[in-house]
């Protein structure tokens, strides 16, 4: 389901450290509730940031000068995301009591009783009466947004052959490395799909892809069967998702994978060097459900129901707000 409104307007805050990956998860949930939230970005100072979330006796005194003000009147609904937002959500809960319904996204790494609801990825292995496990990350993608973005960027890819393969490339992180060897193999595989199966390629790298890897993409894919975004103008990422027949995603980003899974389209995964138990569990789970496959020699078609975890969590929040009498 797409956006659905609550029965009456609520004051909603979205709170995070300001990192796009975290903030967008909270914004996505607010938007699916039909709300226009006020964004609060908290920037605590050292040494507070080095301490566990539950060890902040006076979190307001830890706010740095570049933080947004966190003062009453408190919102009806607070959606927080990211570890450093946790002490402020707890503080607001103590001040506002039951008049503020508080949702936290991701593992808060503190006592679960501090929140009315926690939406955490299943691969975090978090359990509790107030925990909803999600297959991947929440996000801002809806079928409506994909349709709008597809129409916006349709002319950009009109001349590419079909089927269209949209390639979403992340890169180096604390957990993964996109090496030159992996990039070479990826370019070879994509090139074979284009030459042997007549596929068109719509490729969008990220800043984390790295200058050398991006240059390799530019050199390898210069023909009439491919398009490589050069970071000029508006990012066509969501348009590429909407227009794709197949999607290829690097393994380093749960967020990108979750957004791709919302399309119901076949997803091939590019395994990068590295990984962790949590990432491994996530990828094994979505592979076992028939959502993704490892990159292979031939384009194959398969189907699955689009994954809409943001909508599912929004439904839970609506029901809990009604029961709690918040509106």
C-alpha atoms as a PDB file:
ATOM      1  CA  UNK A   1       0.000   0.000   0.000  1.00  0.00           C
ATOM      2  CA  UNK A   2       1.082   3.614  -0.523  1.00  0.00           C
ATOM      3  CA  UNK A   3       0.729   6.579   1.805  1.00  0.00           C
ATOM      4  CA  UNK A   4      -2.242   6.449   4.164  1.00  0.00           C
ATOM      5  CA  UNK A   5      -3.418   9.269   6.376  1.00  0.00           C
ATOM      6  CA  UNK A   6      -4.257   9.064  10.034  1.00  0.00           C
ATOM      7  CA  UNK A   7      -7.693  10.104  11.248  1.00  0.00           C
ATOM      8  CA  UNK A   8      -6.575  13.570  12.292  1.00  0.00           C
ATOM      9  CA  UNK A   9      -3.391  15.691  12.007  1.00  0.00           C
ATOM     10  CA  UNK A  10      -0.627  14.872  14.438  1.00  0.00           C
ATOM     11  CA  UNK A  11       2.476  16.803  15.367  1.00  0.00           C
ATOM     12  CA  UNK A  12       5.318  14.498  14.314  1.00  0.00           C
ATOM     13  CA  UNK A  13       9.054  14.836  14.774  1.00  0.00           C
ATOM     14  CA  UNK A  14      11.649  12.840  12.896  1.00  0.00           C
ATOM     15  CA  UNK A  15      14.880  12.757  14.879  1.00  0.00           C
ATOM     16  CA  UNK A  16      18.317  11.571  13.775  1.00  0.00           C
ATOM     17  CA  UNK A  17      21.959  12.580  13.662  1.00  0.00           C
ATOM     18  CA  UNK A  18      21.347  13.872  10.158  1.00  0.00           C
ATOM     19  CA  UNK A  19      22.871  10.948   8.272  1.00  0.00           C
ATOM     20  CA  UNK A  20      20.750  10.431   5.153  1.00  0.00           C
ATOM     21  CA  UNK A  21      20.581   6.645   5.523  1.00  0.00           C
ATOM     22  CA  UNK A  22      19.108   6.883   9.018  1.00  0.00           C
ATOM     23  CA  UNK A  23      16.969   9.970   8.506  1.00  0.00           C
ATOM     24  CA  UNK A  24      15.335   8.623   5.355  1.00  0.00           C
ATOM     25  CA  UNK A  25      14.109   5.535   7.194  1.00  0.00           C
ATOM     26  CA  UNK A  26      12.269   7.688   9.722  1.00  0.00           C
ATOM     27  CA  UNK A  27      10.991  10.044   7.024  1.00  0.00           C
ATOM     28  CA  UNK A  28       9.723   7.092   5.035  1.00  0.00           C
ATOM     29  CA  UNK A  29       7.635   5.890   7.967  1.00  0.00           C
ATOM     30  CA  UNK A  30       6.247   9.365   8.642  1.00  0.00           C
ATOM     31  CA  UNK A  31       5.320   9.797   4.988  1.00  0.00           C
ATOM     32  CA  UNK A  32       3.525   6.450   4.902  1.00  0.00           C
ATOM     33  CA  UNK A  33       1.434   7.724   7.809  1.00  0.00           C
ATOM     34  CA  UNK A  34       0.467  10.746   5.700  1.00  0.00           C
ATOM     35  CA  UNK A  35       2.398  13.145   7.948  1.00  0.00           C
ATOM     36  CA  UNK A  36       4.660  16.097   7.230  1.00  0.00           C
ATOM     37  CA  UNK A  37       7.147  15.808  10.077  1.00  0.00           C
ATOM     38  CA  UNK A  38       9.406  18.411  11.577  1.00  0.00           C
ATOM     39  CA  UNK A  39      12.995  17.223  11.252  1.00  0.00           C
ATOM     40  CA  UNK A  40      15.173  17.418  14.349  1.00  0.00           C
ATOM     41  CA  UNK A  41      18.892  16.733  13.920  1.00  0.00           C
ATOM     42  CA  UNK A  42      20.816  16.119  17.134  1.00  0.00           C
ATOM     43  CA  UNK A  43      24.569  16.679  17.235  1.00  0.00           C
ATOM     44  CA  UNK A  44      25.869  15.658  20.676  1.00  0.00           C
ATOM     45  CA  UNK A  45      29.410  16.543  21.722  1.00  0.00           C
ATOM     46  CA  UNK A  46      32.262  14.374  22.941  1.00  0.00           C
ATOM     47  CA  UNK A  47      32.726  12.666  25.351  1.00  0.00           C
ATOM     48  CA  UNK A  48      28.998  11.861  25.338  1.00  0.00           C
ATOM     49  CA  UNK A  49      29.093  10.270  21.914  1.00  0.00           C
ATOM     50  CA  UNK A  50      31.541   7.680  23.226  1.00  0.00           C
ATOM     51  CA  UNK A  51      29.125   6.469  25.928  1.00  0.00           C
ATOM     52  CA  UNK A  52      26.321   3.902  25.577  1.00  0.00           C
ATOM     53  CA  UNK A  53      22.908   5.452  24.970  1.00  0.00           C
ATOM     54  CA  UNK A  54      21.552   4.576  28.414  1.00  0.00           C
ATOM     55  CA  UNK A  55      24.421   6.298  30.228  1.00  0.00           C
ATOM     56  CA  UNK A  56      23.497   9.902  29.409  1.00  0.00           C
ATOM     57  CA  UNK A  57      22.096  11.423  32.632  1.00  0.00           C
ATOM     58  CA  UNK A  58      21.658  14.906  31.084  1.00  0.00           C
ATOM     59  CA  UNK A  59      21.467  14.555  27.285  1.00  0.00           C
ATOM     60  CA  UNK A  60      20.342  18.144  26.710  1.00  0.00           C
ATOM     61  CA  UNK A  61      23.622  19.418  28.118  1.00  0.00           C
ATOM     62  CA  UNK A  62      25.450  17.261  25.567  1.00  0.00           C
ATOM     63  CA  UNK A  63      23.957  18.988  22.528  1.00  0.00           C
ATOM     64  CA  UNK A  64      26.484  20.807  20.388  1.00  0.00           C
ATOM     65  CA  UNK A  65      25.970  24.304  18.924  1.00  0.00           C
ATOM     66  CA  UNK A  66      25.065  22.888  15.503  1.00  0.00           C
ATOM     67  CA  UNK A  67      22.155  20.827  16.883  1.00  0.00           C
ATOM     68  CA  UNK A  68      18.510  21.685  16.423  1.00  0.00           C
ATOM     69  CA  UNK A  69      16.706  22.830  19.555  1.00  0.00           C
ATOM     70  CA  UNK A  70      14.914  20.059  21.426  1.00  0.00           C
ATOM     71  CA  UNK A  71      12.318  21.794  23.568  1.00  0.00           C
ATOM     72  CA  UNK A  72       8.632  21.527  24.470  1.00  0.00           C
ATOM     73  CA  UNK A  73       5.929  21.489  23.271  1.00  0.00           C
ATOM     74  CA  UNK A  74       6.593  17.845  22.587  1.00  0.00           C
ATOM     75  CA  UNK A  75       5.216  16.066  19.521  1.00  0.00           C
ATOM     76  CA  UNK A  76       2.345  13.598  19.471  1.00  0.00           C
ATOM     77  CA  UNK A  77       4.564  11.159  17.578  1.00  0.00           C
ATOM     78  CA  UNK A  78       8.357  10.942  17.681  1.00  0.00           C
ATOM     79  CA  UNK A  79      10.160   8.740  15.160  1.00  0.00           C
ATOM     80  CA  UNK A  80      13.850   8.439  15.977  1.00  0.00           C
ATOM     81  CA  UNK A  81      16.576   6.655  14.068  1.00  0.00           C
ATOM     82  CA  UNK A  82      20.229   6.112  14.847  1.00  0.00           C
ATOM     83  CA  UNK A  83      22.041   5.449  18.112  1.00  0.00           C
ATOM     84  CA  UNK A  84      22.701   9.073  19.057  1.00  0.00           C
ATOM     85  CA  UNK A  85      19.041  10.006  18.879  1.00  0.00           C
ATOM     86  CA  UNK A  86      18.176   7.450  21.570  1.00  0.00           C
ATOM     87  CA  UNK A  87      19.027   9.549  24.694  1.00  0.00           C
ATOM     88  CA  UNK A  88      16.864  12.408  23.395  1.00  0.00           C
ATOM     89  CA  UNK A  89      13.899  10.159  22.691  1.00  0.00           C
ATOM     90  CA  UNK A  90      14.214   8.742  26.205  1.00  0.00           C
ATOM     91  CA  UNK A  91      14.384  12.278  27.661  1.00  0.00           C
ATOM     92  CA  UNK A  92      11.269  13.374  25.752  1.00  0.00           C
ATOM     93  CA  UNK A  93       9.458  10.258  26.929  1.00  0.00           C
ATOM     94  CA  UNK A  94      10.215  11.133  30.531  1.00  0.00           C
ATOM     95  CA  UNK A  95       9.003  14.703  30.037  1.00  0.00           C
ATOM     96  CA  UNK A  96       5.930  14.053  27.904  1.00  0.00           C
ATOM     97  CA  UNK A  97       4.768  10.742  29.339  1.00  0.00           C
ATOM     98  CA  UNK A  98       2.055   8.924  27.402  1.00  0.00           C
ATOM     99  CA  UNK A  99       1.147  12.024  25.392  1.00  0.00           C
ATOM    100  CA  UNK A 100       4.093  11.342  23.075  1.00  0.00           C
ATOM    101  CA  UNK A 101       4.127   8.027  21.213  1.00  0.00           C
ATOM    102  CA  UNK A 102       7.721   7.066  20.443  1.00  0.00           C
ATOM    103  CA  UNK A 103       8.973   4.812  17.665  1.00  0.00           C
ATOM    104  CA  UNK A 104      12.635   3.966  17.197  1.00  0.00           C
ATOM    105  CA  UNK A 105      14.068   2.533  13.984  1.00  0.00           C
ATOM    106  CA  UNK A 106      17.033   0.126  14.232  1.00  0.00           C
ATOM    107  CA  UNK A 107      18.385  -1.464  17.415  1.00  0.00           C
ATOM    108  CA  UNK A 108      18.478   1.252  20.120  1.00  0.00           C
ATOM    109  CA  UNK A 109      21.092  -0.705  22.100  1.00  0.00           C
ATOM    110  CA  UNK A 110      19.359   0.048  25.365  1.00  0.00           C
ATOM    111  CA  UNK A 111      16.397  -1.254  27.364  1.00  0.00           C
ATOM    112  CA  UNK A 112      13.487  -1.813  24.973  1.00  0.00           C
ATOM    113  CA  UNK A 113      10.954  -0.507  27.529  1.00  0.00           C
ATOM    114  CA  UNK A 114      12.002   3.064  26.693  1.00  0.00           C
ATOM    115  CA  UNK A 115      10.002   2.937  23.436  1.00  0.00           C
ATOM    116  CA  UNK A 116       6.425   2.213  22.458  1.00  0.00           C
ATOM    117  CA  UNK A 117       7.597   0.484  19.292  1.00  0.00           C
ATOM    118  CA  UNK A 118      10.922  -0.533  17.787  1.00  0.00           C
ATOM    119  CA  UNK A 119      11.301  -1.448  14.121  1.00  0.00           C
ATOM    120  CA  UNK A 120      14.554  -3.353  13.730  1.00  0.00           C
ATOM    121  CA  UNK A 121      15.951  -5.489  10.892  1.00  0.00           C
ATOM    122  CA  UNK A 122      15.499  -9.211  11.412  1.00  0.00           C
ATOM    123  CA  UNK A 123      19.247  -9.712  10.992  1.00  0.00           C
ATOM    124  CA  UNK A 124      19.739  -7.705  14.217  1.00  0.00           C
ATOM    125  CA  UNK A 125      18.116 -10.629  16.091  1.00  0.00           C
ATOM    126  CA  UNK A 126      16.237  -8.263  18.383  1.00  0.00           C
ATOM    127  CA  UNK A 127      13.090  -9.586  20.058  1.00  0.00           C
ATOM    128  CA  UNK A 128      10.516  -8.195  22.457  1.00  0.00           C
ATOM    129  CA  UNK A 129       6.796  -7.483  22.803  1.00  0.00           C
ATOM    130  CA  UNK A 130       7.253  -3.991  21.336  1.00  0.00           C
ATOM    131  CA  UNK A 131       9.620  -5.047  18.504  1.00  0.00           C
ATOM    132  CA  UNK A 132       8.636  -5.434  14.856  1.00  0.00           C
ATOM    133  CA  UNK A 133      11.274  -7.280  12.831  1.00  0.00           C
ATOM    134  CA  UNK A 134      11.696  -6.020   9.272  1.00  0.00           C
ATOM    135  CA  UNK A 135      13.202  -7.706   6.245  1.00  0.00           C
ATOM    136  CA  UNK A 136      15.800  -5.062   5.491  1.00  0.00           C
ATOM    137  CA  UNK A 137      15.544  -1.323   6.079  1.00  0.00           C
ATOM    138  CA  UNK A 138      12.620   1.080   5.964  1.00  0.00           C
ATOM    139  CA  UNK A 139      12.774   3.642   3.151  1.00  0.00           C
ATOM    140  CA  UNK A 140      10.896   6.334   1.215  1.00  0.00           C
ATOM    141  CA  UNK A 141      10.156   4.308  -1.934  1.00  0.00           C
ATOM    142  CA  UNK A 142       6.529   3.743  -2.886  1.00  0.00           C
ATOM    143  CA  UNK A 143       4.938   2.530  -6.096  1.00  0.00           C
ATOM    144  CA  UNK A 144       3.651   6.061  -6.687  1.00  0.00           C
ATOM    145  CA  UNK A 145       7.113   7.554  -6.326  1.00  0.00           C
ATOM    146  CA  UNK A 146       8.642   4.964  -8.645  1.00  0.00           C
ATOM    147  CA  UNK A 147       6.036   5.724 -11.305  1.00  0.00           C
ATOM    148  CA  UNK A 148       6.646   9.465 -11.047  1.00  0.00           C
ATOM    149  CA  UNK A 149      10.424   9.099 -11.144  1.00  0.00           C
ATOM    150  CA  UNK A 150      10.241   6.673 -14.061  1.00  0.00           C
ATOM    151  CA  UNK A 151       8.249   9.191 -16.070  1.00  0.00           C
ATOM    152  CA  UNK A 152      10.675  11.973 -15.154  1.00  0.00           C
ATOM    153  CA  UNK A 153      13.725  10.089 -16.484  1.00  0.00           C
ATOM    154  CA  UNK A 154      12.073   8.069 -19.261  1.00  0.00           C
ATOM    155  CA  UNK A 155      13.493  10.230 -22.070  1.00  0.00           C
ATOM    156  CA  UNK A 156      17.015   9.803 -20.671  1.00  0.00           C
ATOM    157  CA  UNK A 157      16.885   6.055 -21.382  1.00  0.00           C
ATOM    158  CA  UNK A 158      14.513   5.941 -24.350  1.00  0.00           C
ATOM    159  CA  UNK A 159      17.196   4.982 -26.863  1.00  0.00           C
ATOM    160  CA  UNK A 160      18.664   2.144 -24.783  1.00  0.00           C
ATOM    161  CA  UNK A 161      17.813  -1.407 -25.900  1.00  0.00           C
ATOM    162  CA  UNK A 162      15.579  -3.658 -23.819  1.00  0.00           C
ATOM    163  CA  UNK A 163      15.542  -5.492 -21.486  1.00  0.00           C
ATOM    164  CA  UNK A 164      16.840  -2.657 -19.324  1.00  0.00           C
ATOM    165  CA  UNK A 165      19.253  -3.549 -16.517  1.00  0.00           C
ATOM    166  CA  UNK A 166      19.564  -0.875 -13.813  1.00  0.00           C
ATOM    167  CA  UNK A 167      22.866  -1.187 -11.960  1.00  0.00           C
ATOM    168  CA  UNK A 168      23.112   0.387  -8.486  1.00  0.00           C
ATOM    169  CA  UNK A 169      26.721   0.533  -7.306  1.00  0.00           C
ATOM    170  CA  UNK A 170      27.723   1.389  -3.749  1.00  0.00           C
ATOM    171  CA  UNK A 171      31.333   0.865  -2.736  1.00  0.00           C
ATOM    172  CA  UNK A 172      33.792   0.854   0.113  1.00  0.00           C
ATOM    173  CA  UNK A 173      32.523   0.855   3.689  1.00  0.00           C
ATOM    174  CA  UNK A 174      33.619  -0.352   7.105  1.00  0.00           C
ATOM    175  CA  UNK A 175      32.385  -3.807   6.132  1.00  0.00           C
ATOM    176  CA  UNK A 176      32.984  -4.135   2.394  1.00  0.00           C
ATOM    177  CA  UNK A 177      35.528  -3.260  -0.275  1.00  0.00           C
ATOM    178  CA  UNK A 178      34.813  -2.714  -3.960  1.00  0.00           C
ATOM    179  CA  UNK A 179      38.131  -3.802  -5.439  1.00  0.00           C
ATOM    180  CA  UNK A 180      39.383  -3.227  -8.978  1.00  0.00           C
ATOM    181  CA  UNK A 181      39.169  -6.992  -9.553  1.00  0.00           C
ATOM    182  CA  UNK A 182      35.480  -7.086  -8.598  1.00  0.00           C
ATOM    183  CA  UNK A 183      34.748  -4.036 -10.728  1.00  0.00           C
ATOM    184  CA  UNK A 184      36.496  -5.643 -13.706  1.00  0.00           C
ATOM    185  CA  UNK A 185      34.421  -8.806 -13.335  1.00  0.00           C
ATOM    186  CA  UNK A 186      31.248  -6.744 -13.026  1.00  0.00           C
ATOM    187  CA  UNK A 187      32.060  -4.770 -16.169  1.00  0.00           C
ATOM    188  CA  UNK A 188      32.773  -8.004 -18.047  1.00  0.00           C
ATOM    189  CA  UNK A 189      29.449  -9.526 -16.971  1.00  0.00           C
ATOM    190  CA  UNK A 190      27.449  -6.420 -17.837  1.00  0.00           C
ATOM    191  CA  UNK A 191      29.243  -6.138 -21.147  1.00  0.00           C
ATOM    192  CA  UNK A 192      28.326  -9.743 -21.978  1.00  0.00           C
ATOM    193  CA  UNK A 193      24.681  -9.129 -21.161  1.00  0.00           C
ATOM    194  CA  UNK A 194      24.697  -6.137 -23.488  1.00  0.00           C
ATOM    195  CA  UNK A 195      26.494  -7.863 -26.383  1.00  0.00           C
ATOM    196  CA  UNK A 196      25.033 -11.370 -26.103  1.00  0.00           C
ATOM    197  CA  UNK A 197      21.505 -10.693 -24.823  1.00  0.00           C
ATOM    198  CA  UNK A 198      20.941  -7.211 -26.214  1.00  0.00           C
ATOM    199  CA  UNK A 199      20.393  -5.640 -22.798  1.00  0.00           C
ATOM    200  CA  UNK A 200      20.522  -1.918 -22.148  1.00  0.00           C
ATOM    201  CA  UNK A 201      22.478  -0.746 -19.105  1.00  0.00           C
ATOM    202  CA  UNK A 202      21.531   2.169 -16.839  1.00  0.00           C
ATOM    203  CA  UNK A 203      24.328   2.532 -14.282  1.00  0.00           C
ATOM    204  CA  UNK A 204      24.377   4.796 -11.260  1.00  0.00           C
ATOM    205  CA  UNK A 205      27.522   4.789  -9.080  1.00  0.00           C
ATOM    206  CA  UNK A 206      27.827   6.515  -5.713  1.00  0.00           C
ATOM    207  CA  UNK A 207      30.510   8.626  -4.087  1.00  0.00           C
ATOM    208  CA  UNK A 208      31.689   5.482  -2.297  1.00  0.00           C
ATOM    209  CA  UNK A 209      32.339   3.713  -5.598  1.00  0.00           C
ATOM    210  CA  UNK A 210      35.706   5.459  -5.861  1.00  0.00           C
ATOM    211  CA  UNK A 211      37.280   7.531  -8.632  1.00  0.00           C
ATOM    212  CA  UNK A 212      39.196   4.660 -10.243  1.00  0.00           C
ATOM    213  CA  UNK A 213      36.159   2.379 -10.355  1.00  0.00           C
ATOM    214  CA  UNK A 214      33.981   5.154 -11.757  1.00  0.00           C
ATOM    215  CA  UNK A 215      36.569   5.844 -14.438  1.00  0.00           C
ATOM    216  CA  UNK A 216      36.524   2.161 -15.377  1.00  0.00           C
ATOM    217  CA  UNK A 217      32.751   2.342 -15.796  1.00  0.00           C
ATOM    218  CA  UNK A 218      33.019   5.427 -17.995  1.00  0.00           C
ATOM    219  CA  UNK A 219      35.643   3.807 -20.219  1.00  0.00           C
ATOM    220  CA  UNK A 220      33.851   0.472 -20.566  1.00  0.00           C
ATOM    221  CA  UNK A 221      30.327   1.772 -21.182  1.00  0.00           C
ATOM    222  CA  UNK A 222      30.390   4.512 -23.769  1.00  0.00           C
ATOM    223  CA  UNK A 223      28.225   2.954 -26.498  1.00  0.00           C
ATOM    224  CA  UNK A 224      24.600   3.358 -27.495  1.00  0.00           C
ATOM    225  CA  UNK A 225      23.528   0.453 -25.262  1.00  0.00           C
ATOM    226  CA  UNK A 226      24.505   2.062 -21.939  1.00  0.00           C
ATOM    227  CA  UNK A 227      24.216   5.155 -19.759  1.00  0.00           C
ATOM    228  CA  UNK A 228      26.455   5.963 -16.770  1.00  0.00           C
ATOM    229  CA  UNK A 229      25.292   8.769 -14.488  1.00  0.00           C
ATOM    230  CA  UNK A 230      28.084  11.365 -14.102  1.00  0.00           C
ATOM    231  CA  UNK A 231      26.788  13.042 -10.903  1.00  0.00           C
ATOM    232  CA  UNK A 232      25.577  16.017 -12.961  1.00  0.00           C
ATOM    233  CA  UNK A 233      22.002  17.137 -12.411  1.00  0.00           C
ATOM    234  CA  UNK A 234      19.358  15.305 -10.419  1.00  0.00           C
ATOM    235  CA  UNK A 235      20.186  11.765  -9.346  1.00  0.00           C
ATOM    236  CA  UNK A 236      18.171   9.346 -11.550  1.00  0.00           C
ATOM    237  CA  UNK A 237      18.442   6.501  -9.015  1.00  0.00           C
ATOM    238  CA  UNK A 238      14.704   6.114  -8.353  1.00  0.00           C
ATOM    239  CA  UNK A 239      13.887   6.602 -12.016  1.00  0.00           C
ATOM    240  CA  UNK A 240      16.243   3.742 -12.866  1.00  0.00           C
ATOM    241  CA  UNK A 241      14.457   1.545 -10.309  1.00  0.00           C
ATOM    242  CA  UNK A 242      11.093   2.375 -11.829  1.00  0.00           C
ATOM    243  CA  UNK A 243      12.202   1.791 -15.431  1.00  0.00           C
ATOM    244  CA  UNK A 244      14.243  -1.384 -14.877  1.00  0.00           C
ATOM    245  CA  UNK A 245      13.402  -4.858 -16.101  1.00  0.00           C
ATOM    246  CA  UNK A 246      16.265  -6.241 -13.991  1.00  0.00           C
ATOM    247  CA  UNK A 247      18.191  -4.708 -11.094  1.00  0.00           C
ATOM    248  CA  UNK A 248      21.819  -5.275 -10.102  1.00  0.00           C
ATOM    249  CA  UNK A 249      22.882  -4.095  -6.621  1.00  0.00           C
ATOM    250  CA  UNK A 250      26.156  -4.260  -4.709  1.00  0.00           C
ATOM    251  CA  UNK A 251      26.020  -6.228  -1.464  1.00  0.00           C
ATOM    252  CA  UNK A 252      27.258  -3.406   0.779  1.00  0.00           C
ATOM    253  CA  UNK A 253      23.974  -1.524   1.215  1.00  0.00           C
ATOM    254  CA  UNK A 254      20.919  -2.935   2.987  1.00  0.00           C
ATOM    255  CA  UNK A 255      19.110   0.311   2.138  1.00  0.00           C
ATOM    256  CA  UNK A 256      19.690   0.023  -1.616  1.00  0.00           C
ATOM    257  CA  UNK A 257      18.749  -3.642  -1.511  1.00  0.00           C
ATOM    258  CA  UNK A 258      15.559  -2.867   0.429  1.00  0.00           C
ATOM    259  CA  UNK A 259      14.564  -0.160  -2.050  1.00  0.00           C
ATOM    260  CA  UNK A 260      15.173  -2.559  -4.941  1.00  0.00           C
ATOM    261  CA  UNK A 261      13.106  -5.271  -3.209  1.00  0.00           C
ATOM    262  CA  UNK A 262      10.110  -2.945  -3.130  1.00  0.00           C
ATOM    263  CA  UNK A 263       9.850  -3.202  -6.947  1.00  0.00           C
ATOM    264  CA  UNK A 264       9.181  -6.957  -7.191  1.00  0.00           C
ATOM    265  CA  UNK A 265      11.735  -7.109 -10.030  1.00  0.00           C
ATOM    266  CA  UNK A 266      14.548  -9.677 -10.372  1.00  0.00           C
ATOM    267  CA  UNK A 267      17.603  -8.557  -8.371  1.00  0.00           C
ATOM    268  CA  UNK A 268      21.146  -9.751  -8.960  1.00  0.00           C
ATOM    269  CA  UNK A 269      23.640  -9.148  -6.139  1.00  0.00           C
ATOM    270  CA  UNK A 270      27.267  -8.158  -6.696  1.00  0.00           C
ATOM    271  CA  UNK A 271      29.246  -9.727  -3.852  1.00  0.00           C
ATOM    272  CA  UNK A 272      31.930  -7.337  -2.612  1.00  0.00           C
ATOM    273  CA  UNK A 273      34.994  -8.285  -0.600  1.00  0.00           C
ATOM    274  CA  UNK A 274      34.332  -8.522   3.146  1.00  0.00           C
ATOM    275  CA  UNK A 275      31.035  -8.822   4.958  1.00  0.00           C
ATOM    276  CA  UNK A 276      29.801  -9.607   8.455  1.00  0.00           C
ATOM    277  CA  UNK A 277      27.459 -12.029  10.195  1.00  0.00           C
ATOM    278  CA  UNK A 278      24.569  -9.568  10.026  1.00  0.00           C
ATOM    279  CA  UNK A 279      25.068  -8.845   6.327  1.00  0.00           C
ATOM    280  CA  UNK A 280      25.510 -12.546   5.606  1.00  0.00           C
ATOM    281  CA  UNK A 281      22.271 -13.369   7.456  1.00  0.00           C
ATOM    282  CA  UNK A 282      20.403 -10.677   5.544  1.00  0.00           C
ATOM    283  CA  UNK A 283      21.614 -11.803   2.138  1.00  0.00           C
ATOM    284  CA  UNK A 284      20.990 -15.464   2.924  1.00  0.00           C
ATOM    285  CA  UNK A 285      17.450 -14.622   4.024  1.00  0.00           C
ATOM    286  CA  UNK A 286      16.453 -12.724   0.876  1.00  0.00           C
ATOM    287  CA  UNK A 287      18.132 -15.321  -1.356  1.00  0.00           C
ATOM    288  CA  UNK A 288      16.213 -18.128   0.348  1.00  0.00           C
ATOM    289  CA  UNK A 289      12.952 -16.241  -0.240  1.00  0.00           C
ATOM    290  CA  UNK A 290      13.636 -16.122  -3.978  1.00  0.00           C
ATOM    291  CA  UNK A 291      14.104 -12.343  -4.058  1.00  0.00           C
ATOM    292  CA  UNK A 292      17.754 -12.144  -5.144  1.00  0.00           C
ATOM    293  CA  UNK A 293      20.333 -14.243  -6.943  1.00  0.00           C
ATOM    294  CA  UNK A 294      24.069 -13.943  -7.238  1.00  0.00           C
ATOM    295  CA  UNK A 295      25.393 -12.424 -10.437  1.00  0.00           C
ATOM    296  CA  UNK A 296      25.469 -15.118 -13.124  1.00  0.00           C
ATOM    297  CA  UNK A 297      26.258 -15.636 -16.775  1.00  0.00           C
ATOM    298  CA  UNK A 298      22.768 -15.207 -18.232  1.00  0.00           C
ATOM    299  CA  UNK A 299      19.842 -12.917 -17.514  1.00  0.00           C
ATOM    300  CA  UNK A 300      16.981 -14.966 -16.081  1.00  0.00           C
ATOM    301  CA  UNK A 301      13.495 -13.901 -15.069  1.00  0.00           C
ATOM    302  CA  UNK A 302      11.775 -14.667 -11.764  1.00  0.00           C
ATOM    303  CA  UNK A 303       9.150 -12.983  -9.632  1.00  0.00           C
ATOM    304  CA  UNK A 304       8.230 -12.350  -6.003  1.00  0.00           C
ATOM    305  CA  UNK A 305       5.778 -10.126  -4.178  1.00  0.00           C
ATOM    306  CA  UNK A 306       7.172  -6.595  -3.696  1.00  0.00           C
ATOM    307  CA  UNK A 307       8.510  -6.170  -0.168  1.00  0.00           C
ATOM    308  CA  UNK A 308       6.749  -3.314   1.634  1.00  0.00           C
ATOM    309  CA  UNK A 309       8.073  -3.306   5.192  1.00  0.00           C
ATOM    310  CA  UNK A 310       7.615   0.458   5.587  1.00  0.00           C
ATOM    311  CA  UNK A 311       3.906   0.084   4.875  1.00  0.00           C
ATOM    312  CA  UNK A 312       3.653  -2.859   7.261  1.00  0.00           C
ATOM    313  CA  UNK A 313       5.274  -0.920  10.117  1.00  0.00           C
ATOM    314  CA  UNK A 314       3.050   2.078   9.347  1.00  0.00           C
ATOM    315  CA  UNK A 315      -0.006  -0.175   9.757  1.00  0.00           C
ATOM    316  CA  UNK A 316       1.280  -1.310  13.164  1.00  0.00           C
ATOM    317  CA  UNK A 317       1.857   2.300  14.243  1.00  0.00           C
ATOM    318  CA  UNK A 318      -1.669   3.322  13.176  1.00  0.00           C
ATOM    319  CA  UNK A 319      -3.208   0.509  15.177  1.00  0.00           C
ATOM    320  CA  UNK A 320      -1.119   1.284  18.260  1.00  0.00           C
ATOM    321  CA  UNK A 321      -1.885   5.004  18.081  1.00  0.00           C
ATOM    322  CA  UNK A 322      -5.582   4.218  17.961  1.00  0.00           C
ATOM    323  CA  UNK A 323      -5.338   1.859  20.922  1.00  0.00           C
ATOM    324  CA  UNK A 324      -3.226   4.316  22.906  1.00  0.00           C
ATOM    325  CA  UNK A 325      -5.705   7.124  22.253  1.00  0.00           C
ATOM    326  CA  UNK A 326      -3.008   9.454  20.932  1.00  0.00           C
ATOM    327  CA  UNK A 327      -5.522  10.851  18.460  1.00  0.00           C
END
